[in-house]
């Protein structure tokens, strides 16, 4: 078996896995977003592809009779990216490409930063545009959404549950309207 050939400027670090002493193999990640398993040294390593879960590369391992699913982007960030605060618990892909796990494309983020980053994703923007154009099969229309927004702005209004029931939508849909995630283009004057 041929040794893993390093990419230009590639550096490797061992994965910090719970119960790793029970594993037959060791694992390492690189700043280029690659992962390998090896027995004795990285020179005898084998590149792993992992599997894909919701677009993310995941490595499934089984130490000590437990399964661990390690998200490659998180493991690369743990090994190669600095956190500037304890609140940064999420890892974002700067280019929105979940398969580009190079350390230079990853950044630790707070929940708010991660949510804002998701809103700027090209896929999310395209989806919002598509939803704006959609008319057929919708429970809501612009007039109904304006009514909902007026109700939400009214002091001493009905509960979210009551408003949702009135318009035959879920409370989650109502919260999405309230925070502008859905129907954000509709304004009330």
C-alpha atoms as a PDB file:
ATOM      1  CA  UNK A   1       0.000   0.000   0.000  1.00  0.00           C
ATOM      2  CA  UNK A   2       1.381   3.415  -0.963  1.00  0.00           C
ATOM      3  CA  UNK A   3       1.841   6.027   1.740  1.00  0.00           C
ATOM      4  CA  UNK A   4      -0.415   9.049   1.864  1.00  0.00           C
ATOM      5  CA  UNK A   5       1.115  11.783  -0.274  1.00  0.00           C
ATOM      6  CA  UNK A   6       0.930  15.141   1.426  1.00  0.00           C
ATOM      7  CA  UNK A   7      -0.540  18.071  -0.418  1.00  0.00           C
ATOM      8  CA  UNK A   8       1.427  21.303  -0.587  1.00  0.00           C
ATOM      9  CA  UNK A   9       1.724  22.884   2.907  1.00  0.00           C
ATOM     10  CA  UNK A  10      -0.302  20.056   4.439  1.00  0.00           C
ATOM     11  CA  UNK A  11       0.052  19.428   8.182  1.00  0.00           C
ATOM     12  CA  UNK A  12      -1.466  16.537  10.160  1.00  0.00           C
ATOM     13  CA  UNK A  13      -2.627  16.301  13.772  1.00  0.00           C
ATOM     14  CA  UNK A  14      -3.982  13.338  15.690  1.00  0.00           C
ATOM     15  CA  UNK A  15      -7.717  13.318  16.304  1.00  0.00           C
ATOM     16  CA  UNK A  16      -8.638  13.616  19.947  1.00  0.00           C
ATOM     17  CA  UNK A  17     -11.184  10.831  20.309  1.00  0.00           C
ATOM     18  CA  UNK A  18     -12.862   9.750  23.544  1.00  0.00           C
ATOM     19  CA  UNK A  19     -11.772   6.229  24.523  1.00  0.00           C
ATOM     20  CA  UNK A  20      -9.170   6.256  21.733  1.00  0.00           C
ATOM     21  CA  UNK A  21      -7.024   3.752  23.632  1.00  0.00           C
ATOM     22  CA  UNK A  22      -9.656   1.097  22.795  1.00  0.00           C
ATOM     23  CA  UNK A  23      -9.281   1.673  19.044  1.00  0.00           C
ATOM     24  CA  UNK A  24      -7.148  -0.594  16.850  1.00  0.00           C
ATOM     25  CA  UNK A  25      -6.197   2.329  14.635  1.00  0.00           C
ATOM     26  CA  UNK A  26      -5.288   5.949  15.197  1.00  0.00           C
ATOM     27  CA  UNK A  27      -6.789   8.818  13.240  1.00  0.00           C
ATOM     28  CA  UNK A  28      -5.413  12.143  12.064  1.00  0.00           C
ATOM     29  CA  UNK A  29      -6.807  15.189  10.252  1.00  0.00           C
ATOM     30  CA  UNK A  30      -4.988  17.661   8.085  1.00  0.00           C
ATOM     31  CA  UNK A  31      -5.303  21.403   7.601  1.00  0.00           C
ATOM     32  CA  UNK A  32      -6.367  20.524   4.034  1.00  0.00           C
ATOM     33  CA  UNK A  33      -9.535  18.835   5.312  1.00  0.00           C
ATOM     34  CA  UNK A  34      -8.416  15.247   4.857  1.00  0.00           C
ATOM     35  CA  UNK A  35      -8.573  12.389   7.357  1.00  0.00           C
ATOM     36  CA  UNK A  36      -6.498   9.226   7.648  1.00  0.00           C
ATOM     37  CA  UNK A  37      -6.273   6.131   9.783  1.00  0.00           C
ATOM     38  CA  UNK A  38      -2.969   4.496  10.672  1.00  0.00           C
ATOM     39  CA  UNK A  39      -1.581   1.698  12.843  1.00  0.00           C
ATOM     40  CA  UNK A  40       1.881   2.783  13.986  1.00  0.00           C
ATOM     41  CA  UNK A  41       2.823   6.018  12.244  1.00  0.00           C
ATOM     42  CA  UNK A  42       1.241   8.371   9.735  1.00  0.00           C
ATOM     43  CA  UNK A  43       3.652   7.011   7.117  1.00  0.00           C
ATOM     44  CA  UNK A  44       1.536   3.826   6.990  1.00  0.00           C
ATOM     45  CA  UNK A  45      -1.699   5.841   6.858  1.00  0.00           C
ATOM     46  CA  UNK A  46      -4.711   5.289   4.656  1.00  0.00           C
ATOM     47  CA  UNK A  47      -6.938   8.153   3.485  1.00  0.00           C
ATOM     48  CA  UNK A  48     -10.574   7.859   4.516  1.00  0.00           C
ATOM     49  CA  UNK A  49     -13.557   9.248   2.658  1.00  0.00           C
ATOM     50  CA  UNK A  50     -16.081   9.082   5.494  1.00  0.00           C
ATOM     51  CA  UNK A  51     -19.783   9.289   4.770  1.00  0.00           C
ATOM     52  CA  UNK A  52     -22.049  12.230   4.054  1.00  0.00           C
ATOM     53  CA  UNK A  53     -24.758  13.442   6.420  1.00  0.00           C
ATOM     54  CA  UNK A  54     -26.788  16.463   5.263  1.00  0.00           C
ATOM     55  CA  UNK A  55     -23.885  17.492   3.035  1.00  0.00           C
ATOM     56  CA  UNK A  56     -21.219  17.234   5.765  1.00  0.00           C
ATOM     57  CA  UNK A  57     -18.397  14.679   5.733  1.00  0.00           C
ATOM     58  CA  UNK A  58     -18.713  12.404   8.772  1.00  0.00           C
ATOM     59  CA  UNK A  59     -16.333   9.799  10.132  1.00  0.00           C
ATOM     60  CA  UNK A  60     -18.034   6.980  12.060  1.00  0.00           C
ATOM     61  CA  UNK A  61     -15.828   5.171  14.556  1.00  0.00           C
ATOM     62  CA  UNK A  62     -16.500   2.661  17.313  1.00  0.00           C
ATOM     63  CA  UNK A  63     -14.340   3.051  20.423  1.00  0.00           C
ATOM     64  CA  UNK A  64     -15.232   1.042  23.550  1.00  0.00           C
ATOM     65  CA  UNK A  65     -18.544  -0.356  22.259  1.00  0.00           C
ATOM     66  CA  UNK A  66     -19.923   3.102  21.505  1.00  0.00           C
ATOM     67  CA  UNK A  67     -20.389   4.788  18.156  1.00  0.00           C
ATOM     68  CA  UNK A  68     -19.013   8.239  17.541  1.00  0.00           C
ATOM     69  CA  UNK A  69     -19.840  10.335  14.515  1.00  0.00           C
ATOM     70  CA  UNK A  70     -17.149  12.923  13.995  1.00  0.00           C
ATOM     71  CA  UNK A  71     -17.920  15.788  11.645  1.00  0.00           C
ATOM     72  CA  UNK A  72     -14.751  16.426   9.662  1.00  0.00           C
ATOM     73  CA  UNK A  73     -15.138  20.221   9.562  1.00  0.00           C
ATOM     74  CA  UNK A  74     -15.414  20.350  13.370  1.00  0.00           C
ATOM     75  CA  UNK A  75     -12.373  18.106  13.840  1.00  0.00           C
ATOM     76  CA  UNK A  76     -10.285  20.202  11.437  1.00  0.00           C
ATOM     77  CA  UNK A  77     -11.394  23.378  13.242  1.00  0.00           C
ATOM     78  CA  UNK A  78     -10.544  21.877  16.660  1.00  0.00           C
ATOM     79  CA  UNK A  79      -7.062  21.013  15.413  1.00  0.00           C
ATOM     80  CA  UNK A  80      -6.221  24.084  13.316  1.00  0.00           C
ATOM     81  CA  UNK A  81      -8.556  27.043  14.019  1.00  0.00           C
ATOM     82  CA  UNK A  82      -8.401  29.406  16.994  1.00  0.00           C
ATOM     83  CA  UNK A  83     -11.461  30.380  19.027  1.00  0.00           C
ATOM     84  CA  UNK A  84     -11.623  33.990  20.162  1.00  0.00           C
ATOM     85  CA  UNK A  85     -14.346  33.354  22.767  1.00  0.00           C
ATOM     86  CA  UNK A  86     -15.994  30.507  24.666  1.00  0.00           C
ATOM     87  CA  UNK A  87     -19.312  31.361  22.987  1.00  0.00           C
ATOM     88  CA  UNK A  88     -17.920  30.142  19.660  1.00  0.00           C
ATOM     89  CA  UNK A  89     -19.319  26.614  19.603  1.00  0.00           C
ATOM     90  CA  UNK A  90     -20.202  26.335  15.913  1.00  0.00           C
ATOM     91  CA  UNK A  91     -17.990  25.909  12.847  1.00  0.00           C
ATOM     92  CA  UNK A  92     -18.955  27.656   9.626  1.00  0.00           C
ATOM     93  CA  UNK A  93     -17.717  27.102   6.081  1.00  0.00           C
ATOM     94  CA  UNK A  94     -16.761  30.569   4.833  1.00  0.00           C
ATOM     95  CA  UNK A  95     -17.581  29.668   1.210  1.00  0.00           C
ATOM     96  CA  UNK A  96     -20.812  27.820   2.237  1.00  0.00           C
ATOM     97  CA  UNK A  97     -19.421  24.617   0.643  1.00  0.00           C
ATOM     98  CA  UNK A  98     -19.830  21.823   3.228  1.00  0.00           C
ATOM     99  CA  UNK A  99     -17.300  19.665   1.362  1.00  0.00           C
ATOM    100  CA  UNK A 100     -14.503  22.270   1.524  1.00  0.00           C
ATOM    101  CA  UNK A 101     -13.057  21.363   4.928  1.00  0.00           C
ATOM    102  CA  UNK A 102      -9.722  23.159   4.577  1.00  0.00           C
ATOM    103  CA  UNK A 103      -8.773  25.002   7.771  1.00  0.00           C
ATOM    104  CA  UNK A 104      -8.567  28.271   5.809  1.00  0.00           C
ATOM    105  CA  UNK A 105     -12.266  27.868   4.893  1.00  0.00           C
ATOM    106  CA  UNK A 106     -13.435  27.210   8.457  1.00  0.00           C
ATOM    107  CA  UNK A 107     -14.126  29.592  11.317  1.00  0.00           C
ATOM    108  CA  UNK A 108     -15.497  29.203  14.830  1.00  0.00           C
ATOM    109  CA  UNK A 109     -18.701  31.203  15.344  1.00  0.00           C
ATOM    110  CA  UNK A 110     -21.314  32.003  17.959  1.00  0.00           C
ATOM    111  CA  UNK A 111     -24.875  30.811  17.426  1.00  0.00           C
ATOM    112  CA  UNK A 112     -25.896  34.267  16.166  1.00  0.00           C
ATOM    113  CA  UNK A 113     -22.921  34.452  13.772  1.00  0.00           C
ATOM    114  CA  UNK A 114     -23.687  30.965  12.447  1.00  0.00           C
ATOM    115  CA  UNK A 115     -27.368  31.789  11.896  1.00  0.00           C
ATOM    116  CA  UNK A 116     -26.476  35.038  10.105  1.00  0.00           C
ATOM    117  CA  UNK A 117     -23.935  33.174   7.958  1.00  0.00           C
ATOM    118  CA  UNK A 118     -26.620  30.615   6.982  1.00  0.00           C
ATOM    119  CA  UNK A 119     -28.964  33.417   5.900  1.00  0.00           C
ATOM    120  CA  UNK A 120     -26.276  34.622   3.468  1.00  0.00           C
ATOM    121  CA  UNK A 121     -25.806  31.186   1.923  1.00  0.00           C
ATOM    122  CA  UNK A 122     -26.371  31.192  -1.855  1.00  0.00           C
ATOM    123  CA  UNK A 123     -28.655  28.152  -1.461  1.00  0.00           C
ATOM    124  CA  UNK A 124     -30.728  29.946   1.210  1.00  0.00           C
ATOM    125  CA  UNK A 125     -30.968  33.115  -0.900  1.00  0.00           C
ATOM    126  CA  UNK A 126     -32.065  31.072  -3.945  1.00  0.00           C
ATOM    127  CA  UNK A 127     -34.645  29.245  -1.817  1.00  0.00           C
ATOM    128  CA  UNK A 128     -36.059  32.545  -0.499  1.00  0.00           C
ATOM    129  CA  UNK A 129     -36.316  33.878  -4.073  1.00  0.00           C
ATOM    130  CA  UNK A 130     -38.081  30.695  -5.161  1.00  0.00           C
ATOM    131  CA  UNK A 131     -40.510  30.976  -2.230  1.00  0.00           C
ATOM    132  CA  UNK A 132     -41.293  34.603  -3.132  1.00  0.00           C
ATOM    133  CA  UNK A 133     -42.374  33.467  -6.608  1.00  0.00           C
ATOM    134  CA  UNK A 134     -44.461  30.558  -5.313  1.00  0.00           C
ATOM    135  CA  UNK A 135     -48.205  31.195  -5.288  1.00  0.00           C
ATOM    136  CA  UNK A 136     -49.959  27.888  -5.898  1.00  0.00           C
ATOM    137  CA  UNK A 137     -50.657  25.649  -2.906  1.00  0.00           C
ATOM    138  CA  UNK A 138     -49.859  28.227  -0.233  1.00  0.00           C
ATOM    139  CA  UNK A 139     -52.028  28.644   2.857  1.00  0.00           C
ATOM    140  CA  UNK A 140     -50.896  32.251   3.123  1.00  0.00           C
ATOM    141  CA  UNK A 141     -50.793  35.155   0.746  1.00  0.00           C
ATOM    142  CA  UNK A 142     -49.458  38.708   1.087  1.00  0.00           C
ATOM    143  CA  UNK A 143     -52.732  40.053   2.518  1.00  0.00           C
ATOM    144  CA  UNK A 144     -52.907  37.312   5.167  1.00  0.00           C
ATOM    145  CA  UNK A 145     -49.254  37.816   6.096  1.00  0.00           C
ATOM    146  CA  UNK A 146     -49.837  41.553   6.502  1.00  0.00           C
ATOM    147  CA  UNK A 147     -52.746  40.743   8.827  1.00  0.00           C
ATOM    148  CA  UNK A 148     -50.550  38.364  10.794  1.00  0.00           C
ATOM    149  CA  UNK A 149     -47.773  40.946  11.106  1.00  0.00           C
ATOM    150  CA  UNK A 150     -50.271  43.555  12.328  1.00  0.00           C
ATOM    151  CA  UNK A 151     -51.579  41.081  14.923  1.00  0.00           C
ATOM    152  CA  UNK A 152     -48.060  40.254  16.068  1.00  0.00           C
ATOM    153  CA  UNK A 153     -47.216  43.943  16.505  1.00  0.00           C
ATOM    154  CA  UNK A 154     -50.354  44.696  18.535  1.00  0.00           C
ATOM    155  CA  UNK A 155     -49.803  45.040  22.312  1.00  0.00           C
ATOM    156  CA  UNK A 156     -51.919  42.628  24.383  1.00  0.00           C
ATOM    157  CA  UNK A 157     -52.483  40.499  21.287  1.00  0.00           C
ATOM    158  CA  UNK A 158     -53.691  36.923  21.074  1.00  0.00           C
ATOM    159  CA  UNK A 159     -51.201  34.164  21.886  1.00  0.00           C
ATOM    160  CA  UNK A 160     -49.025  32.665  19.153  1.00  0.00           C
ATOM    161  CA  UNK A 161     -51.074  29.479  19.407  1.00  0.00           C
ATOM    162  CA  UNK A 162     -54.336  31.385  18.839  1.00  0.00           C
ATOM    163  CA  UNK A 163     -52.970  33.322  15.859  1.00  0.00           C
ATOM    164  CA  UNK A 164     -51.575  30.128  14.313  1.00  0.00           C
ATOM    165  CA  UNK A 165     -54.948  28.406  14.721  1.00  0.00           C
ATOM    166  CA  UNK A 166     -56.769  31.401  13.217  1.00  0.00           C
ATOM    167  CA  UNK A 167     -54.680  31.189  10.028  1.00  0.00           C
ATOM    168  CA  UNK A 168     -54.383  27.367  10.024  1.00  0.00           C
ATOM    169  CA  UNK A 169     -50.569  27.414  10.177  1.00  0.00           C
ATOM    170  CA  UNK A 170     -48.061  26.017  12.663  1.00  0.00           C
ATOM    171  CA  UNK A 171     -46.640  28.064  15.503  1.00  0.00           C
ATOM    172  CA  UNK A 172     -43.190  27.463  13.962  1.00  0.00           C
ATOM    173  CA  UNK A 173     -44.372  29.083  10.731  1.00  0.00           C
ATOM    174  CA  UNK A 174     -45.652  32.002  12.799  1.00  0.00           C
ATOM    175  CA  UNK A 175     -42.287  32.418  14.536  1.00  0.00           C
ATOM    176  CA  UNK A 176     -40.555  32.323  11.141  1.00  0.00           C
ATOM    177  CA  UNK A 177     -42.845  35.084   9.904  1.00  0.00           C
ATOM    178  CA  UNK A 178     -42.219  37.072  13.091  1.00  0.00           C
ATOM    179  CA  UNK A 179     -38.419  36.933  12.774  1.00  0.00           C
ATOM    180  CA  UNK A 180     -38.477  37.559   9.004  1.00  0.00           C
ATOM    181  CA  UNK A 181     -37.180  34.141   7.962  1.00  0.00           C
ATOM    182  CA  UNK A 182     -40.405  33.517   6.001  1.00  0.00           C
ATOM    183  CA  UNK A 183     -42.309  36.266   4.226  1.00  0.00           C
ATOM    184  CA  UNK A 184     -39.597  38.778   5.186  1.00  0.00           C
ATOM    185  CA  UNK A 185     -40.231  40.733   1.995  1.00  0.00           C
ATOM    186  CA  UNK A 186     -43.777  41.620   3.143  1.00  0.00           C
ATOM    187  CA  UNK A 187     -43.879  44.847   5.095  1.00  0.00           C
ATOM    188  CA  UNK A 188     -46.679  46.510   7.035  1.00  0.00           C
ATOM    189  CA  UNK A 189     -47.009  50.284   6.912  1.00  0.00           C
END
